[in-house]
């Protein structure tokens, strides 16, 4: 089972954005069975339409789409709380993605973020957080560590594992991930040298493949990761390319 743990779906499909059907075609081109789908989000930061598109896509293709919702507290905490409730109770998502870099808030903000994260933890679903150098202050791994201290059982996908720009935060992510066993590091937009360091220090059980489609071409990222992981055993490659995510989401 091969799983791409970082893709973004749009309800619009304009420009370089992709719909669920387009994403499935990209997956078929590289032979990947499943994808974690985050909302693409337009420049207006409107998020509900993409959440709905992911829900509909997962309903139509339950064997292919692992649905995540998205919330943006900058649109108003009451609106974000209502959207979160819809994602959990109506859409039945596997997790929620929060992106403080794109939306302009600290991921551990006690007013904007923590009330939403408390609800995610209560629901027992996965939290995915953008952790990237494009806004290291708002998405710094020590802020994610504070979330794990508050909710030690919460499973967290650390998307980009501190990359997505320079200077990166990979070392801090890897150091803290050794302390928090519920962190899963998604390798999209990450330095291959630091991916190798994470493999060495944390083991292949903690790394998940992600392409960051459509921000990066899926075929390109898939090809690069074949080289990055070429020295792993077949069993360890299977973990990185799908089994770890399968364990995270309880898939068989």
C-alpha atoms as a PDB file:
ATOM      1  CA  UNK A   1       0.000   0.000   0.000  1.00  0.00           C
ATOM      2  CA  UNK A   2       1.476   3.297  -1.168  1.00  0.00           C
ATOM      3  CA  UNK A   3       0.229   6.534   0.390  1.00  0.00           C
ATOM      4  CA  UNK A   4       1.068  10.136  -0.464  1.00  0.00           C
ATOM      5  CA  UNK A   5       0.753  12.044   2.833  1.00  0.00           C
ATOM      6  CA  UNK A   6       0.721  15.585   1.449  1.00  0.00           C
ATOM      7  CA  UNK A   7      -1.664  16.569  -1.328  1.00  0.00           C
ATOM      8  CA  UNK A   8      -4.017  19.523  -1.688  1.00  0.00           C
ATOM      9  CA  UNK A   9      -7.439  19.455  -3.321  1.00  0.00           C
ATOM     10  CA  UNK A  10      -9.340  22.431  -4.698  1.00  0.00           C
ATOM     11  CA  UNK A  11     -13.056  22.831  -5.245  1.00  0.00           C
ATOM     12  CA  UNK A  12     -12.225  25.094  -8.203  1.00  0.00           C
ATOM     13  CA  UNK A  13      -9.507  23.359 -10.193  1.00  0.00           C
ATOM     14  CA  UNK A  14      -8.278  26.599 -11.758  1.00  0.00           C
ATOM     15  CA  UNK A  15      -4.690  27.353 -12.715  1.00  0.00           C
ATOM     16  CA  UNK A  16      -2.346  24.828 -11.172  1.00  0.00           C
ATOM     17  CA  UNK A  17      -4.921  23.728  -8.558  1.00  0.00           C
ATOM     18  CA  UNK A  18      -6.231  20.165  -8.777  1.00  0.00           C
ATOM     19  CA  UNK A  19      -9.618  18.609  -8.152  1.00  0.00           C
ATOM     20  CA  UNK A  20     -10.088  15.152  -6.660  1.00  0.00           C
ATOM     21  CA  UNK A  21     -10.446  13.605 -10.122  1.00  0.00           C
ATOM     22  CA  UNK A  22      -7.239  15.267 -11.329  1.00  0.00           C
ATOM     23  CA  UNK A  23      -5.422  14.135  -8.196  1.00  0.00           C
ATOM     24  CA  UNK A  24      -6.502  10.550  -8.799  1.00  0.00           C
ATOM     25  CA  UNK A  25      -5.069  10.690 -12.310  1.00  0.00           C
ATOM     26  CA  UNK A  26      -1.741  11.929 -10.922  1.00  0.00           C
ATOM     27  CA  UNK A  27      -1.727   9.114  -8.364  1.00  0.00           C
ATOM     28  CA  UNK A  28      -2.411   6.555 -11.079  1.00  0.00           C
ATOM     29  CA  UNK A  29       0.510   7.885 -13.121  1.00  0.00           C
ATOM     30  CA  UNK A  30       2.961   7.012 -10.340  1.00  0.00           C
ATOM     31  CA  UNK A  31       1.138   3.920  -9.078  1.00  0.00           C
ATOM     32  CA  UNK A  32       0.183   5.278  -5.634  1.00  0.00           C
ATOM     33  CA  UNK A  33      -3.040   3.902  -4.172  1.00  0.00           C
ATOM     34  CA  UNK A  34      -4.053   6.506  -1.577  1.00  0.00           C
ATOM     35  CA  UNK A  35      -3.530  10.154  -0.704  1.00  0.00           C
ATOM     36  CA  UNK A  36      -3.998  12.315   2.345  1.00  0.00           C
ATOM     37  CA  UNK A  37      -5.952  15.316   1.043  1.00  0.00           C
ATOM     38  CA  UNK A  38      -5.685  18.752   2.611  1.00  0.00           C
ATOM     39  CA  UNK A  39      -7.755  21.735   1.425  1.00  0.00           C
ATOM     40  CA  UNK A  40      -5.984  23.855  -1.158  1.00  0.00           C
ATOM     41  CA  UNK A  41      -7.565  27.134   0.006  1.00  0.00           C
ATOM     42  CA  UNK A  42      -7.969  30.142  -2.267  1.00  0.00           C
ATOM     43  CA  UNK A  43      -6.230  33.451  -1.760  1.00  0.00           C
ATOM     44  CA  UNK A  44      -9.361  34.685   0.005  1.00  0.00           C
ATOM     45  CA  UNK A  45      -8.550  32.029   2.639  1.00  0.00           C
ATOM     46  CA  UNK A  46     -12.088  30.671   2.235  1.00  0.00           C
ATOM     47  CA  UNK A  47     -11.851  27.046   3.258  1.00  0.00           C
ATOM     48  CA  UNK A  48     -15.293  25.458   3.541  1.00  0.00           C
ATOM     49  CA  UNK A  49     -15.711  24.778  -0.197  1.00  0.00           C
ATOM     50  CA  UNK A  50     -12.466  22.803  -0.324  1.00  0.00           C
ATOM     51  CA  UNK A  51     -13.424  20.862   2.800  1.00  0.00           C
ATOM     52  CA  UNK A  52     -16.683  19.956   1.120  1.00  0.00           C
ATOM     53  CA  UNK A  53     -14.906  18.908  -2.079  1.00  0.00           C
ATOM     54  CA  UNK A  54     -12.614  16.588  -0.116  1.00  0.00           C
ATOM     55  CA  UNK A  55     -15.594  15.077   1.701  1.00  0.00           C
ATOM     56  CA  UNK A  56     -17.370  14.418  -1.592  1.00  0.00           C
ATOM     57  CA  UNK A  57     -14.195  12.964  -3.073  1.00  0.00           C
ATOM     58  CA  UNK A  58     -13.693  10.614  -0.140  1.00  0.00           C
ATOM     59  CA  UNK A  59     -17.325   9.541  -0.322  1.00  0.00           C
ATOM     60  CA  UNK A  60     -16.938   8.724  -4.015  1.00  0.00           C
ATOM     61  CA  UNK A  61     -13.491   7.117  -3.612  1.00  0.00           C
ATOM     62  CA  UNK A  62     -13.225   5.805  -0.037  1.00  0.00           C
ATOM     63  CA  UNK A  63     -10.420   3.444  -1.021  1.00  0.00           C
ATOM     64  CA  UNK A  64      -8.280   6.282  -2.418  1.00  0.00           C
ATOM     65  CA  UNK A  65      -8.881   9.498  -0.451  1.00  0.00           C
ATOM     66  CA  UNK A  66      -7.919  10.018   3.206  1.00  0.00           C
ATOM     67  CA  UNK A  67      -9.934  13.109   4.020  1.00  0.00           C
ATOM     68  CA  UNK A  68      -8.579  15.971   6.116  1.00  0.00           C
ATOM     69  CA  UNK A  69     -10.407  19.158   6.846  1.00  0.00           C
ATOM     70  CA  UNK A  70      -8.891  22.570   7.334  1.00  0.00           C
ATOM     71  CA  UNK A  71      -9.705  25.423   9.681  1.00  0.00           C
ATOM     72  CA  UNK A  72      -8.551  29.039   9.666  1.00  0.00           C
ATOM     73  CA  UNK A  73      -9.102  30.871  12.963  1.00  0.00           C
ATOM     74  CA  UNK A  74      -8.173  34.149  11.280  1.00  0.00           C
ATOM     75  CA  UNK A  75     -11.587  34.044   9.627  1.00  0.00           C
ATOM     76  CA  UNK A  76     -13.067  34.203  13.133  1.00  0.00           C
ATOM     77  CA  UNK A  77     -12.860  31.667  15.919  1.00  0.00           C
ATOM     78  CA  UNK A  78     -16.610  31.055  15.943  1.00  0.00           C
ATOM     79  CA  UNK A  79     -16.604  30.347  12.190  1.00  0.00           C
ATOM     80  CA  UNK A  80     -13.548  28.093  12.507  1.00  0.00           C
ATOM     81  CA  UNK A  81     -15.141  26.226  15.402  1.00  0.00           C
ATOM     82  CA  UNK A  82     -18.305  25.652  13.394  1.00  0.00           C
ATOM     83  CA  UNK A  83     -16.301  24.441  10.387  1.00  0.00           C
ATOM     84  CA  UNK A  84     -14.314  22.115  12.642  1.00  0.00           C
ATOM     85  CA  UNK A  85     -17.519  20.678  14.068  1.00  0.00           C
ATOM     86  CA  UNK A  86     -18.800  20.077  10.523  1.00  0.00           C
ATOM     87  CA  UNK A  87     -15.564  18.363   9.492  1.00  0.00           C
ATOM     88  CA  UNK A  88     -15.650  16.041  12.489  1.00  0.00           C
ATOM     89  CA  UNK A  89     -19.352  15.322  12.897  1.00  0.00           C
ATOM     90  CA  UNK A  90     -20.650  15.523   9.325  1.00  0.00           C
ATOM     91  CA  UNK A  91     -17.654  14.778   7.122  1.00  0.00           C
ATOM     92  CA  UNK A  92     -16.026  12.230   9.436  1.00  0.00           C
ATOM     93  CA  UNK A  93     -12.507  13.373   8.555  1.00  0.00           C
ATOM     94  CA  UNK A  94      -9.382  11.446   9.542  1.00  0.00           C
ATOM     95  CA  UNK A  95      -7.675  14.648  10.646  1.00  0.00           C
ATOM     96  CA  UNK A  96      -7.426  18.423  10.496  1.00  0.00           C
ATOM     97  CA  UNK A  97      -4.693  20.530   8.869  1.00  0.00           C
ATOM     98  CA  UNK A  98      -3.670  23.845  10.447  1.00  0.00           C
ATOM     99  CA  UNK A  99      -1.327  26.220   8.634  1.00  0.00           C
ATOM    100  CA  UNK A 100      -0.183  29.189  10.686  1.00  0.00           C
ATOM    101  CA  UNK A 101       2.300  30.245   8.006  1.00  0.00           C
ATOM    102  CA  UNK A 102      -0.306  30.683   5.290  1.00  0.00           C
ATOM    103  CA  UNK A 103      -3.055  32.062   7.516  1.00  0.00           C
ATOM    104  CA  UNK A 104      -0.980  34.219   9.845  1.00  0.00           C
ATOM    105  CA  UNK A 105      -1.308  32.866  13.383  1.00  0.00           C
ATOM    106  CA  UNK A 106       0.906  31.134  15.919  1.00  0.00           C
ATOM    107  CA  UNK A 107       0.152  27.430  15.924  1.00  0.00           C
ATOM    108  CA  UNK A 108       0.072  27.424  19.741  1.00  0.00           C
ATOM    109  CA  UNK A 109      -1.870  30.677  20.130  1.00  0.00           C
ATOM    110  CA  UNK A 110      -3.943  30.270  23.320  1.00  0.00           C
ATOM    111  CA  UNK A 111      -6.899  32.170  21.862  1.00  0.00           C
ATOM    112  CA  UNK A 112      -6.889  31.272  18.160  1.00  0.00           C
ATOM    113  CA  UNK A 113      -5.327  27.809  17.980  1.00  0.00           C
ATOM    114  CA  UNK A 114      -5.546  25.931  21.256  1.00  0.00           C
ATOM    115  CA  UNK A 115      -9.377  25.822  21.520  1.00  0.00           C
ATOM    116  CA  UNK A 116      -9.485  24.182  18.086  1.00  0.00           C
ATOM    117  CA  UNK A 117      -6.654  21.783  18.897  1.00  0.00           C
ATOM    118  CA  UNK A 118      -8.378  20.811  22.151  1.00  0.00           C
ATOM    119  CA  UNK A 119     -11.424  19.780  20.103  1.00  0.00           C
ATOM    120  CA  UNK A 120      -9.271  17.844  17.633  1.00  0.00           C
ATOM    121  CA  UNK A 121      -7.622  15.972  20.496  1.00  0.00           C
ATOM    122  CA  UNK A 122     -11.003  15.278  22.089  1.00  0.00           C
ATOM    123  CA  UNK A 123     -12.250  13.799  18.796  1.00  0.00           C
ATOM    124  CA  UNK A 124      -9.246  11.444  18.660  1.00  0.00           C
ATOM    125  CA  UNK A 125      -8.311  12.374  15.095  1.00  0.00           C
ATOM    126  CA  UNK A 126      -4.929  13.391  13.652  1.00  0.00           C
ATOM    127  CA  UNK A 127      -3.570  16.941  13.679  1.00  0.00           C
ATOM    128  CA  UNK A 128      -1.436  17.958  10.693  1.00  0.00           C
ATOM    129  CA  UNK A 129       0.586  21.146  11.045  1.00  0.00           C
ATOM    130  CA  UNK A 130       2.621  23.045   8.503  1.00  0.00           C
ATOM    131  CA  UNK A 131       6.117  23.340   9.974  1.00  0.00           C
ATOM    132  CA  UNK A 132       8.247  25.369   7.614  1.00  0.00           C
ATOM    133  CA  UNK A 133      10.938  27.976   7.347  1.00  0.00           C
ATOM    134  CA  UNK A 134       8.647  30.219   5.309  1.00  0.00           C
ATOM    135  CA  UNK A 135       7.297  31.339   8.711  1.00  0.00           C
ATOM    136  CA  UNK A 136       9.503  29.774  11.353  1.00  0.00           C
ATOM    137  CA  UNK A 137       8.182  31.967  14.176  1.00  0.00           C
ATOM    138  CA  UNK A 138       4.557  30.927  13.792  1.00  0.00           C
ATOM    139  CA  UNK A 139       5.226  27.271  12.955  1.00  0.00           C
ATOM    140  CA  UNK A 140       8.386  26.566  14.961  1.00  0.00           C
ATOM    141  CA  UNK A 141       8.656  22.988  16.248  1.00  0.00           C
ATOM    142  CA  UNK A 142       8.928  24.162  19.850  1.00  0.00           C
ATOM    143  CA  UNK A 143       5.363  25.424  19.446  1.00  0.00           C
ATOM    144  CA  UNK A 144       4.306  21.982  18.254  1.00  0.00           C
ATOM    145  CA  UNK A 145       6.093  20.539  21.295  1.00  0.00           C
ATOM    146  CA  UNK A 146       3.916  22.720  23.527  1.00  0.00           C
ATOM    147  CA  UNK A 147       0.867  21.166  21.880  1.00  0.00           C
ATOM    148  CA  UNK A 148       2.238  17.682  22.570  1.00  0.00           C
ATOM    149  CA  UNK A 149       2.867  18.596  26.195  1.00  0.00           C
ATOM    150  CA  UNK A 150      -0.772  19.641  26.482  1.00  0.00           C
ATOM    151  CA  UNK A 151      -2.071  16.593  24.574  1.00  0.00           C
ATOM    152  CA  UNK A 152       0.514  13.779  24.821  1.00  0.00           C
ATOM    153  CA  UNK A 153      -1.722  11.255  23.047  1.00  0.00           C
ATOM    154  CA  UNK A 154      -2.484  13.498  20.079  1.00  0.00           C
ATOM    155  CA  UNK A 155      -0.997  12.134  16.851  1.00  0.00           C
ATOM    156  CA  UNK A 156       0.677  14.915  14.874  1.00  0.00           C
ATOM    157  CA  UNK A 157       1.866  14.992  11.274  1.00  0.00           C
ATOM    158  CA  UNK A 158       4.741  17.490  11.047  1.00  0.00           C
ATOM    159  CA  UNK A 159       4.376  18.482   7.395  1.00  0.00           C
ATOM    160  CA  UNK A 160       7.646  19.513   5.688  1.00  0.00           C
ATOM    161  CA  UNK A 161       9.509  18.568   8.904  1.00  0.00           C
ATOM    162  CA  UNK A 162      10.797  22.133   9.203  1.00  0.00           C
ATOM    163  CA  UNK A 163      11.718  22.628   5.552  1.00  0.00           C
ATOM    164  CA  UNK A 164       9.812  24.485   2.832  1.00  0.00           C
ATOM    165  CA  UNK A 165      12.464  27.194   2.797  1.00  0.00           C
ATOM    166  CA  UNK A 166      15.855  28.199   4.133  1.00  0.00           C
ATOM    167  CA  UNK A 167      17.298  28.349   6.692  1.00  0.00           C
ATOM    168  CA  UNK A 168      15.397  25.204   7.603  1.00  0.00           C
ATOM    169  CA  UNK A 169      14.374  23.888  11.018  1.00  0.00           C
ATOM    170  CA  UNK A 170      15.021  20.214  10.362  1.00  0.00           C
ATOM    171  CA  UNK A 171      17.476  19.712  13.222  1.00  0.00           C
ATOM    172  CA  UNK A 172      15.042  21.117  15.780  1.00  0.00           C
ATOM    173  CA  UNK A 173      12.226  18.956  14.424  1.00  0.00           C
ATOM    174  CA  UNK A 174      14.340  15.804  14.570  1.00  0.00           C
ATOM    175  CA  UNK A 175      15.572  16.566  18.089  1.00  0.00           C
ATOM    176  CA  UNK A 176      12.053  17.158  19.379  1.00  0.00           C
ATOM    177  CA  UNK A 177      10.567  14.210  17.484  1.00  0.00           C
ATOM    178  CA  UNK A 178      12.870  11.949  19.499  1.00  0.00           C
ATOM    179  CA  UNK A 179      11.048  13.219  22.593  1.00  0.00           C
ATOM    180  CA  UNK A 180       7.521  12.976  21.175  1.00  0.00           C
ATOM    181  CA  UNK A 181       6.793   9.511  19.731  1.00  0.00           C
ATOM    182  CA  UNK A 182       3.425  10.603  18.288  1.00  0.00           C
ATOM    183  CA  UNK A 183       5.083  12.905  15.755  1.00  0.00           C
ATOM    184  CA  UNK A 184       5.143  11.625  12.179  1.00  0.00           C
ATOM    185  CA  UNK A 185       7.492  13.580   9.929  1.00  0.00           C
ATOM    186  CA  UNK A 186       6.209  14.179   6.396  1.00  0.00           C
ATOM    187  CA  UNK A 187       9.175  14.571   4.037  1.00  0.00           C
ATOM    188  CA  UNK A 188       7.635  16.954   1.474  1.00  0.00           C
ATOM    189  CA  UNK A 189       9.872  19.952   0.696  1.00  0.00           C
ATOM    190  CA  UNK A 190      12.519  18.550   3.059  1.00  0.00           C
ATOM    191  CA  UNK A 191      16.278  18.363   2.488  1.00  0.00           C
ATOM    192  CA  UNK A 192      17.364  14.853   1.559  1.00  0.00           C
ATOM    193  CA  UNK A 193      20.345  15.159   3.914  1.00  0.00           C
ATOM    194  CA  UNK A 194      18.031  15.876   6.811  1.00  0.00           C
ATOM    195  CA  UNK A 195      15.672  13.096   5.776  1.00  0.00           C
ATOM    196  CA  UNK A 196      18.649  10.753   6.036  1.00  0.00           C
ATOM    197  CA  UNK A 197      19.465  12.221   9.452  1.00  0.00           C
ATOM    198  CA  UNK A 198      15.892  11.607  10.589  1.00  0.00           C
ATOM    199  CA  UNK A 199      16.107   8.017   9.376  1.00  0.00           C
ATOM    200  CA  UNK A 200      19.317   7.560  11.325  1.00  0.00           C
ATOM    201  CA  UNK A 201      18.072   9.107  14.574  1.00  0.00           C
ATOM    202  CA  UNK A 202      14.399   8.183  14.571  1.00  0.00           C
ATOM    203  CA  UNK A 203      14.194   5.151  12.320  1.00  0.00           C
ATOM    204  CA  UNK A 204      12.089   4.590   9.188  1.00  0.00           C
ATOM    205  CA  UNK A 205       8.957   4.102  11.297  1.00  0.00           C
ATOM    206  CA  UNK A 206       8.635   7.850  11.868  1.00  0.00           C
ATOM    207  CA  UNK A 207       8.922   9.165   8.306  1.00  0.00           C
ATOM    208  CA  UNK A 208       6.064   9.441   5.785  1.00  0.00           C
ATOM    209  CA  UNK A 209       6.348  10.213   2.089  1.00  0.00           C
ATOM    210  CA  UNK A 210       4.520  13.271   0.795  1.00  0.00           C
ATOM    211  CA  UNK A 211       4.645  15.043  -2.563  1.00  0.00           C
ATOM    212  CA  UNK A 212       3.078  18.434  -1.705  1.00  0.00           C
ATOM    213  CA  UNK A 213       0.981  18.233  -4.866  1.00  0.00           C
ATOM    214  CA  UNK A 214       0.227  20.570  -6.640  1.00  0.00           C
ATOM    215  CA  UNK A 215       2.872  22.888  -5.146  1.00  0.00           C
ATOM    216  CA  UNK A 216       5.417  20.348  -6.420  1.00  0.00           C
ATOM    217  CA  UNK A 217       4.836  18.051  -9.408  1.00  0.00           C
ATOM    218  CA  UNK A 218       3.897  14.617  -8.120  1.00  0.00           C
ATOM    219  CA  UNK A 219       5.942  12.659 -10.687  1.00  0.00           C
ATOM    220  CA  UNK A 220       9.008  14.752  -9.872  1.00  0.00           C
ATOM    221  CA  UNK A 221       8.696  14.282  -6.117  1.00  0.00           C
ATOM    222  CA  UNK A 222       7.959  10.573  -6.479  1.00  0.00           C
ATOM    223  CA  UNK A 223      11.067  10.119  -8.600  1.00  0.00           C
ATOM    224  CA  UNK A 224      13.291  12.086  -6.229  1.00  0.00           C
ATOM    225  CA  UNK A 225      12.156  10.074  -3.214  1.00  0.00           C
ATOM    226  CA  UNK A 226      12.998   6.821  -4.989  1.00  0.00           C
ATOM    227  CA  UNK A 227      16.601   8.049  -5.015  1.00  0.00           C
ATOM    228  CA  UNK A 228      16.506   9.458  -1.471  1.00  0.00           C
ATOM    229  CA  UNK A 229      15.384   6.105  -0.069  1.00  0.00           C
ATOM    230  CA  UNK A 230      17.219   3.799  -2.469  1.00  0.00           C
ATOM    231  CA  UNK A 231      19.559   2.412   0.187  1.00  0.00           C
ATOM    232  CA  UNK A 232      16.765   1.351   2.521  1.00  0.00           C
ATOM    233  CA  UNK A 233      15.695  -2.258   2.658  1.00  0.00           C
ATOM    234  CA  UNK A 234      12.480  -3.097   0.841  1.00  0.00           C
ATOM    235  CA  UNK A 235      10.778  -3.507   4.218  1.00  0.00           C
ATOM    236  CA  UNK A 236      11.864  -0.040   5.362  1.00  0.00           C
ATOM    237  CA  UNK A 237      10.871   1.557   2.052  1.00  0.00           C
ATOM    238  CA  UNK A 238       7.421   0.045   2.513  1.00  0.00           C
ATOM    239  CA  UNK A 239       7.160   1.756   5.891  1.00  0.00           C
ATOM    240  CA  UNK A 240       8.053   5.204   4.561  1.00  0.00           C
ATOM    241  CA  UNK A 241       5.926   4.951   1.427  1.00  0.00           C
ATOM    242  CA  UNK A 242       2.750   3.760   3.094  1.00  0.00           C
ATOM    243  CA  UNK A 243       2.858   1.440   6.070  1.00  0.00           C
ATOM    244  CA  UNK A 244       3.596   4.197   8.581  1.00  0.00           C
ATOM    245  CA  UNK A 245       0.642   6.216   7.334  1.00  0.00           C
ATOM    246  CA  UNK A 246      -1.471   3.080   7.335  1.00  0.00           C
ATOM    247  CA  UNK A 247      -0.616   2.571  10.988  1.00  0.00           C
ATOM    248  CA  UNK A 248      -1.327   6.226  11.762  1.00  0.00           C
ATOM    249  CA  UNK A 249      -4.815   6.006  10.250  1.00  0.00           C
ATOM    250  CA  UNK A 250      -5.591   2.442  11.269  1.00  0.00           C
ATOM    251  CA  UNK A 251      -5.699   1.161   7.684  1.00  0.00           C
ATOM    252  CA  UNK A 252      -5.279  -2.464   6.703  1.00  0.00           C
END
